[in-house]
Amino acid sequence: MEVLDGLAPWWQAGTWLHDSVSVLPRYESFYRGIVSLGDATYFAILSAACLAMNEVTLKLPPQRAAGITGRRLMSPGSS
């Protein structure tokens, strides 16, 4: 965080990333035993987004999925 803030002090990019994008501030409140509706909503939306991306990836045809990951898929009989 300090590194990003040091590169461009007028932007405060590291502070903004920590406060708005990072899960650490929200996790710290769970760790202290405080469960707020905003924090629970954040984690629910984050989980739903990851599950949706996983579903989209699993529905892709094998050749398309290989292109996304950069790997070649081998058929069982080929070497």
Protein backbone atom coordinates (compact mmCIF):
# COMPACT_ATOMS: atom_id res chain seq x y z
CA MET A 1 0.00 0.00 0.00
CA GLU A 2 2.76 2.45 0.92
CA VAL A 3 4.65 1.61 -2.28
CA LEU A 4 1.73 2.60 -4.50
CA ASP A 5 1.07 5.71 -2.41
CA GLY A 6 4.75 6.63 -2.68
CA LEU A 7 4.78 6.33 -6.47
CA ALA A 8 1.92 8.78 -6.93
CA PRO A 9 1.15 10.55 -3.62
CA TRP A 10 -1.57 12.74 -5.13
CA TRP A 11 -3.57 9.66 -6.25
CA GLN A 12 -3.32 7.60 -3.05
CA ALA A 13 -3.82 4.49 -5.21
CA GLY A 14 -2.68 2.05 -2.53
CA THR A 15 -5.01 3.50 0.08
CA TRP A 16 -7.92 3.44 -2.36
CA LEU A 17 -7.24 -0.19 -3.32
CA HIS A 18 -6.98 -1.21 0.33
CA ASP A 19 -10.16 0.58 1.36
CA SER A 20 -12.43 -0.28 -1.57
CA VAL A 21 -11.19 -3.45 -3.28
CA SER A 22 -9.29 -5.43 -0.65
CA VAL A 23 -11.03 -8.02 1.49
CA LEU A 24 -8.77 -7.32 4.47
CA PRO A 25 -10.81 -4.49 6.07
CA ARG A 26 -13.98 -6.57 5.77
CA TYR A 27 -12.27 -9.69 7.07
CA GLU A 28 -10.89 -7.78 10.07
CA SER A 29 -14.42 -6.91 11.18
CA PHE A 30 -15.41 -10.60 10.97
CA TYR A 31 -12.28 -11.46 12.96
CA ARG A 32 -13.31 -9.02 15.71
CA GLY A 33 -16.76 -10.64 15.79
CA ILE A 34 -18.61 -7.78 14.12
CA VAL A 35 -20.76 -8.90 11.21
CA SER A 36 -22.22 -5.96 9.33
CA LEU A 37 -24.73 -6.23 6.52
CA GLY A 38 -22.36 -4.43 4.12
CA ASP A 39 -19.50 -6.85 4.79
CA ALA A 40 -21.73 -9.91 4.47
CA THR A 41 -23.14 -8.52 1.21
CA TYR A 42 -19.60 -7.90 -0.12
CA PHE A 43 -18.58 -11.52 0.50
CA ALA A 44 -21.86 -12.86 -0.91
CA ILE A 45 -21.43 -10.84 -4.12
CA LEU A 46 -17.76 -11.85 -4.39
CA SER A 47 -18.69 -15.52 -3.97
CA ALA A 48 -21.52 -15.26 -6.50
CA ALA A 49 -19.22 -13.59 -9.05
CA CYS A 50 -16.59 -16.32 -8.68
CA LEU A 51 -19.23 -19.05 -9.02
CA ALA A 52 -20.67 -17.36 -12.13
CA MET A 53 -17.22 -17.14 -13.75
CA ASN A 54 -16.64 -20.81 -12.92
CA GLU A 55 -19.96 -21.79 -14.50
CA VAL A 56 -19.18 -19.85 -17.68
CA THR A 57 -15.77 -21.49 -17.93
CA LEU A 58 -17.16 -24.99 -17.43
CA LYS A 59 -19.78 -24.49 -20.15
CA LEU A 60 -17.16 -23.60 -22.80
CA PRO A 61 -16.31 -26.24 -25.39
CA PRO A 62 -12.95 -27.95 -24.70
CA GLN A 63 -11.11 -26.27 -27.59
CA ARG A 64 -12.27 -22.83 -26.49
CA ALA A 65 -11.29 -23.52 -22.88
CA ALA A 66 -7.82 -24.60 -24.02
CA GLY A 67 -7.41 -21.32 -25.89
CA ILE A 68 -8.22 -19.34 -22.76
CA THR A 69 -5.72 -21.19 -20.59
CA GLY A 70 -3.07 -21.43 -23.30
CA ARG A 71 -2.77 -25.21 -23.01
CA ARG A 72 -3.31 -27.87 -25.61
CA LEU A 73 -5.77 -30.57 -24.84
CA MET A 74 -4.65 -34.05 -25.83
CA SER A 75 -7.07 -36.75 -26.76
CA PRO A 76 -6.76 -39.96 -24.69
CA GLY A 77 -5.20 -41.95 -27.56
CA SER A 78 -2.62 -39.38 -28.69
CA SER A 79 0.85 -38.88 -27.29
